[in-house]
Amino acid sequence: MAQSFRLDFDASNVQRELRSAAARGLYLGAEHVLGVSNDRVPLDEGTLQHSGTASVDEASLTGMVSYDTPYAVRQHEEMDFEHAPGREAKFLENSLNAERAVVLALVAAEMRRALR
């Protein structure tokens, strides 16, 4: 004789947890990119390096890394500036491109944790 059962499943809770996990992963990814970028940022007194921040807009699931000095954009874009060894223009763009797979892995790991 077969038994029957009823299963009530609330997907909204799962979606909420996965979104929160994705935001945590994005934040970890943004922090990682910031760290890599800080190792490449042009360095004189360290002001530019210390102005870097990582953040996440959970509503849009957008991770951000930014530098807040009046000259950050110029240092990033000016390809003719000379920099110390290991320091470079395009420090943020190059770091993001190089670490894309790591960021994806961090997001995926947080989402897997949420499903356990």
N, C-alpha and C. Protein backbone atom coordinates (compact mmCIF):
# COMPACT_ATOMS: atom_id res chain seq x y z
N MET A 1 0.83 -1.16 0.00
CA MET A 1 0.00 0.00 0.00
C MET A 1 0.89 1.24 0.00
N ALA A 2 0.68 2.10 -0.96
CA ALA A 2 1.49 3.30 -1.10
C ALA A 2 1.00 4.38 -0.14
N GLN A 3 1.95 5.04 0.44
CA GLN A 3 1.61 6.15 1.32
C GLN A 3 1.78 7.45 0.56
N SER A 4 0.99 8.39 0.89
CA SER A 4 1.13 9.70 0.27
C SER A 4 1.54 10.71 1.33
N PHE A 5 2.13 11.76 0.87
CA PHE A 5 2.50 12.84 1.78
C PHE A 5 2.38 14.17 1.05
N ARG A 6 2.35 15.19 1.81
CA ARG A 6 2.23 16.53 1.24
C ARG A 6 3.49 17.30 1.59
N LEU A 7 4.02 17.98 0.60
CA LEU A 7 5.22 18.80 0.78
C LEU A 7 4.89 20.23 0.40
N ASP A 8 5.03 21.12 1.35
CA ASP A 8 4.86 22.55 1.07
C ASP A 8 6.26 23.15 0.97
N PHE A 9 6.53 23.81 -0.14
CA PHE A 9 7.85 24.37 -0.40
C PHE A 9 7.72 25.86 -0.66
N ASP A 10 8.44 26.64 0.12
CA ASP A 10 8.42 28.09 -0.04
C ASP A 10 9.71 28.52 -0.73
N ALA A 11 9.64 28.72 -2.03
CA ALA A 11 10.82 29.07 -2.81
C ALA A 11 11.32 30.47 -2.50
N SER A 12 10.48 31.34 -1.98
CA SER A 12 10.91 32.71 -1.71
C SER A 12 12.02 32.74 -0.67
N ASN A 13 11.97 31.86 0.31
CA ASN A 13 13.04 31.79 1.32
C ASN A 13 14.35 31.33 0.68
N VAL A 14 14.28 30.36 -0.20
CA VAL A 14 15.47 29.87 -0.90
C VAL A 14 16.05 30.99 -1.76
N GLN A 15 15.20 31.69 -2.49
CA GLN A 15 15.67 32.79 -3.33
C GLN A 15 16.33 33.88 -2.49
N ARG A 16 15.76 34.19 -1.35
CA ARG A 16 16.30 35.21 -0.46
C ARG A 16 17.68 34.79 0.06
N GLU A 17 17.80 33.55 0.47
CA GLU A 17 19.08 33.05 0.97
C GLU A 17 20.15 33.02 -0.12
N LEU A 18 19.75 32.59 -1.33
CA LEU A 18 20.72 32.56 -2.43
C LEU A 18 21.15 33.96 -2.84
N ARG A 19 20.24 34.90 -2.83
CA ARG A 19 20.60 36.29 -3.17
C ARG A 19 21.56 36.85 -2.13
N SER A 20 21.29 36.58 -0.88
CA SER A 20 22.17 37.04 0.19
C SER A 20 23.55 36.40 0.06
N ALA A 21 23.58 35.12 -0.27
CA ALA A 21 24.85 34.41 -0.46
C ALA A 21 25.61 34.98 -1.65
N ALA A 22 24.90 35.27 -2.72
CA ALA A 22 25.55 35.87 -3.90
C ALA A 22 26.15 37.22 -3.54
N ALA A 23 25.45 38.01 -2.75
CA ALA A 23 25.96 39.32 -2.33
C ALA A 23 27.21 39.15 -1.46
N ARG A 24 27.20 38.16 -0.55
CA ARG A 24 28.40 37.89 0.26
C ARG A 24 29.57 37.50 -0.62
N GLY A 25 29.31 36.63 -1.60
CA GLY A 25 30.35 36.21 -2.52
C GLY A 25 30.89 37.36 -3.34
N LEU A 26 29.99 38.23 -3.79
CA LEU A 26 30.41 39.41 -4.55
C LEU A 26 31.30 40.32 -3.69
N TYR A 27 30.93 40.48 -2.43
CA TYR A 27 31.74 41.31 -1.54
C TYR A 27 33.13 40.70 -1.36
N LEU A 28 33.18 39.40 -1.14
CA LEU A 28 34.48 38.73 -1.01
C LEU A 28 35.28 38.88 -2.30
N GLY A 29 34.61 38.77 -3.44
CA GLY A 29 35.28 38.94 -4.72
C GLY A 29 35.79 40.36 -4.91
N ALA A 30 34.99 41.35 -4.53
CA ALA A 30 35.42 42.74 -4.64
C ALA A 30 36.61 43.01 -3.72
N GLU A 31 36.58 42.47 -2.53
CA GLU A 31 37.72 42.61 -1.61
C GLU A 31 38.97 41.96 -2.19
N HIS A 32 38.80 40.81 -2.82
CA HIS A 32 39.94 40.13 -3.44
C HIS A 32 40.53 40.98 -4.57
N VAL A 33 39.68 41.49 -5.43
CA VAL A 33 40.15 42.34 -6.54
C VAL A 33 40.83 43.59 -6.00
N LEU A 34 40.28 44.17 -4.95
CA LEU A 34 40.90 45.34 -4.32
C LEU A 34 42.31 45.00 -3.83
N GLY A 35 42.46 43.85 -3.20
CA GLY A 35 43.79 43.44 -2.71
C GLY A 35 44.79 43.28 -3.84
N VAL A 36 44.37 42.64 -4.91
CA VAL A 36 45.26 42.45 -6.06
C VAL A 36 45.57 43.81 -6.69
N SER A 37 44.56 44.65 -6.81
CA SER A 37 44.76 45.98 -7.39
C SER A 37 45.70 46.82 -6.53
N ASN A 38 45.57 46.71 -5.22
CA ASN A 38 46.46 47.47 -4.33
C ASN A 38 47.92 47.08 -4.51
N ASP A 39 48.17 45.85 -4.93
CA ASP A 39 49.54 45.42 -5.21
C ASP A 39 50.07 45.99 -6.52
N ARG A 40 49.20 46.55 -7.33
CA ARG A 40 49.58 47.08 -8.65
C ARG A 40 49.45 48.60 -8.75
N VAL A 41 48.71 49.19 -7.82
CA VAL A 41 48.42 50.62 -7.89
C VAL A 41 49.72 51.43 -7.83
N PRO A 42 49.82 52.51 -8.64
CA PRO A 42 51.00 53.37 -8.55
C PRO A 42 51.20 53.84 -7.11
N LEU A 43 52.40 53.79 -6.64
CA LEU A 43 52.67 54.03 -5.23
C LEU A 43 53.71 55.13 -5.07
N ASP A 44 53.32 56.18 -4.38
CA ASP A 44 54.26 57.23 -4.00
C ASP A 44 54.24 57.32 -2.48
N GLU A 45 53.18 57.87 -1.94
CA GLU A 45 53.03 57.96 -0.49
C GLU A 45 52.00 56.96 0.04
N GLY A 46 51.30 56.28 -0.85
CA GLY A 46 50.29 55.31 -0.44
C GLY A 46 48.89 55.87 -0.33
N THR A 47 48.71 57.15 -0.63
CA THR A 47 47.38 57.76 -0.51
C THR A 47 46.37 57.10 -1.44
N LEU A 48 46.76 56.90 -2.69
CA LEU A 48 45.87 56.27 -3.66
C LEU A 48 45.53 54.85 -3.20
N GLN A 49 46.53 54.10 -2.80
CA GLN A 49 46.33 52.72 -2.36
C GLN A 49 45.37 52.66 -1.17
N HIS A 50 45.51 53.56 -0.22
CA HIS A 50 44.68 53.54 0.99
C HIS A 50 43.27 54.07 0.76
N SER A 51 43.04 54.68 -0.40
CA SER A 51 41.70 55.21 -0.68
C SER A 51 40.79 54.16 -1.31
N GLY A 52 41.30 52.98 -1.61
CA GLY A 52 40.50 51.94 -2.26
C GLY A 52 39.46 51.35 -1.33
N THR A 53 38.29 51.08 -1.89
CA THR A 53 37.21 50.44 -1.13
C THR A 53 36.49 49.42 -2.01
N ALA A 54 35.92 48.45 -1.35
CA ALA A 54 35.08 47.44 -2.02
C ALA A 54 33.69 47.53 -1.41
N SER A 55 32.68 47.37 -2.25
CA SER A 55 31.31 47.42 -1.75
C SER A 55 30.40 46.61 -2.68
N VAL A 56 29.19 46.36 -2.21
CA VAL A 56 28.21 45.60 -2.99
C VAL A 56 26.85 46.28 -2.83
N ASP A 57 26.14 46.41 -3.94
CA ASP A 57 24.75 46.82 -3.92
C ASP A 57 23.94 45.54 -4.00
N GLU A 58 23.39 45.13 -2.88
CA GLU A 58 22.68 43.85 -2.82
C GLU A 58 21.42 43.85 -3.68
N ALA A 59 20.78 45.00 -3.83
CA ALA A 59 19.56 45.07 -4.62
C ALA A 59 19.80 44.71 -6.08
N SER A 60 20.93 45.17 -6.62
CA SER A 60 21.24 44.89 -8.03
C SER A 60 22.30 43.80 -8.20
N LEU A 61 22.78 43.26 -7.09
CA LEU A 61 23.88 42.29 -7.09
C LEU A 61 25.05 42.80 -7.95
N THR A 62 25.50 43.98 -7.59
CA THR A 62 26.62 44.62 -8.28
C THR A 62 27.75 44.84 -7.28
N GLY A 63 28.93 44.29 -7.60
CA GLY A 63 30.11 44.51 -6.78
C GLY A 63 30.90 45.68 -7.35
N MET A 64 31.50 46.47 -6.45
CA MET A 64 32.24 47.65 -6.88
C MET A 64 33.56 47.75 -6.15
N VAL A 65 34.57 48.19 -6.89
CA VAL A 65 35.86 48.54 -6.31
C VAL A 65 36.16 49.94 -6.81
N SER A 66 36.54 50.82 -5.91
CA SER A 66 36.82 52.20 -6.32
C SER A 66 37.97 52.77 -5.52
N TYR A 67 38.56 53.80 -6.09
CA TYR A 67 39.62 54.57 -5.44
C TYR A 67 39.14 56.01 -5.39
N ASP A 68 39.35 56.66 -4.26
CA ASP A 68 38.79 57.98 -4.04
C ASP A 68 39.89 59.02 -3.80
N THR A 69 40.58 59.37 -4.85
CA THR A 69 41.49 60.51 -4.81
C THR A 69 41.23 61.33 -6.07
N PRO A 70 41.59 62.61 -6.06
CA PRO A 70 41.35 63.44 -7.24
C PRO A 70 42.10 62.96 -8.48
N TYR A 71 43.15 62.18 -8.29
CA TYR A 71 43.98 61.76 -9.42
C TYR A 71 43.85 60.27 -9.73
N ALA A 72 42.93 59.57 -9.12
CA ALA A 72 42.81 58.13 -9.31
C ALA A 72 42.54 57.76 -10.78
N VAL A 73 41.61 58.44 -11.41
CA VAL A 73 41.27 58.13 -12.80
C VAL A 73 42.47 58.40 -13.70
N ARG A 74 43.13 59.51 -13.50
CA ARG A 74 44.28 59.84 -14.36
C ARG A 74 45.40 58.82 -14.19
N GLN A 75 45.68 58.42 -12.96
CA GLN A 75 46.71 57.39 -12.73
C GLN A 75 46.32 56.08 -13.39
N HIS A 76 45.04 55.76 -13.38
CA HIS A 76 44.57 54.52 -13.98
C HIS A 76 44.67 54.55 -15.50
N GLU A 77 44.32 55.66 -16.09
CA GLU A 77 44.19 55.74 -17.55
C GLU A 77 45.46 56.18 -18.28
N GLU A 78 46.34 56.90 -17.63
CA GLU A 78 47.50 57.49 -18.31
C GLU A 78 48.58 56.44 -18.53
N MET A 79 48.68 55.97 -19.76
CA MET A 79 49.61 54.89 -20.09
C MET A 79 51.06 55.37 -20.19
N ASP A 80 51.29 56.66 -20.26
CA ASP A 80 52.65 57.18 -20.43
C ASP A 80 53.35 57.48 -19.10
N PHE A 81 52.65 57.39 -17.99
CA PHE A 81 53.29 57.64 -16.70
C PHE A 81 54.26 56.51 -16.38
N GLU A 82 55.36 56.85 -15.74
CA GLU A 82 56.33 55.83 -15.31
C GLU A 82 55.98 55.40 -13.89
N HIS A 83 56.09 54.10 -13.65
CA HIS A 83 55.75 53.55 -12.34
C HIS A 83 56.87 52.66 -11.83
N ALA A 84 56.91 52.48 -10.54
CA ALA A 84 57.87 51.57 -9.92
C ALA A 84 57.60 50.14 -10.42
N PRO A 85 58.60 49.27 -10.34
CA PRO A 85 58.39 47.88 -10.77
C PRO A 85 57.18 47.25 -10.07
N GLY A 86 56.36 46.58 -10.87
CA GLY A 86 55.16 45.92 -10.34
C GLY A 86 53.95 46.83 -10.24
N ARG A 87 54.16 48.12 -10.42
CA ARG A 87 53.06 49.10 -10.37
C ARG A 87 52.73 49.49 -11.80
N GLU A 88 51.45 49.81 -12.07
CA GLU A 88 51.08 50.01 -13.46
C GLU A 88 49.83 50.86 -13.61
N ALA A 89 49.69 51.44 -14.80
CA ALA A 89 48.41 52.03 -15.19
C ALA A 89 47.44 50.85 -15.39
N LYS A 90 46.18 51.14 -15.40
CA LYS A 90 45.15 50.10 -15.58
C LYS A 90 45.20 49.07 -14.43
N PHE A 91 45.65 49.52 -13.26
CA PHE A 91 45.82 48.63 -12.11
C PHE A 91 44.52 47.94 -11.71
N LEU A 92 43.41 48.65 -11.77
CA LEU A 92 42.12 48.05 -11.39
C LEU A 92 41.56 47.18 -12.51
N GLU A 93 41.57 47.69 -13.71
CA GLU A 93 41.06 46.93 -14.86
C GLU A 93 41.83 45.62 -15.04
N ASN A 94 43.15 45.69 -14.97
CA ASN A 94 43.97 44.48 -15.14
C ASN A 94 43.73 43.48 -14.01
N SER A 95 43.55 43.99 -12.81
CA SER A 95 43.30 43.10 -11.66
C SER A 95 41.96 42.38 -11.81
N LEU A 96 40.93 43.11 -12.21
CA LEU A 96 39.62 42.49 -12.41
C LEU A 96 39.68 41.43 -13.50
N ASN A 97 40.31 41.76 -14.62
CA ASN A 97 40.40 40.79 -15.72
C ASN A 97 41.20 39.56 -15.31
N ALA A 98 42.27 39.74 -14.56
CA ALA A 98 43.11 38.61 -14.14
C ALA A 98 42.42 37.73 -13.10
N GLU A 99 41.56 38.31 -12.29
CA GLU A 99 40.96 37.59 -11.16
C GLU A 99 39.50 37.23 -11.36
N ARG A 100 39.01 37.36 -12.55
CA ARG A 100 37.61 37.07 -12.86
C ARG A 100 37.19 35.67 -12.40
N ALA A 101 38.01 34.68 -12.69
CA ALA A 101 37.66 33.29 -12.30
C ALA A 101 37.62 33.13 -10.79
N VAL A 102 38.50 33.81 -10.08
CA VAL A 102 38.51 33.74 -8.62
C VAL A 102 37.23 34.36 -8.06
N VAL A 103 36.82 35.50 -8.62
CA VAL A 103 35.59 36.14 -8.17
C VAL A 103 34.40 35.22 -8.39
N LEU A 104 34.31 34.62 -9.56
CA LEU A 104 33.21 33.69 -9.83
C LEU A 104 33.22 32.51 -8.86
N ALA A 105 34.41 32.00 -8.55
CA ALA A 105 34.53 30.88 -7.61
C ALA A 105 34.09 31.29 -6.21
N LEU A 106 34.41 32.51 -5.80
CA LEU A 106 33.98 32.99 -4.47
C LEU A 106 32.47 33.12 -4.39
N VAL A 107 31.85 33.62 -5.43
CA VAL A 107 30.39 33.73 -5.45
C VAL A 107 29.77 32.33 -5.42
N ALA A 108 30.29 31.44 -6.24
CA ALA A 108 29.75 30.07 -6.29
C ALA A 108 29.90 29.36 -4.95
N ALA A 109 31.02 29.56 -4.29
CA ALA A 109 31.25 28.91 -2.99
C ALA A 109 30.25 29.39 -1.95
N GLU A 110 29.97 30.68 -1.93
CA GLU A 110 28.99 31.22 -0.98
C GLU A 110 27.59 30.69 -1.27
N MET A 111 27.26 30.56 -2.55
CA MET A 111 25.93 30.05 -2.92
C MET A 111 25.82 28.57 -2.56
N ARG A 112 26.90 27.80 -2.76
CA ARG A 112 26.87 26.38 -2.36
C ARG A 112 26.67 26.26 -0.85
N ARG A 113 27.36 27.10 -0.08
CA ARG A 113 27.21 27.07 1.37
C ARG A 113 25.76 27.33 1.78
N ALA A 114 25.11 28.24 1.08
CA ALA A 114 23.72 28.58 1.42
C ALA A 114 22.77 27.42 1.14
N LEU A 115 23.13 26.55 0.22
CA LEU A 115 22.27 25.42 -0.13
C LEU A 115 22.44 24.21 0.79
N ARG A 116 23.38 24.27 1.66
CA ARG A 116 23.60 23.13 2.58
C ARG A 116 22.63 23.11 3.71
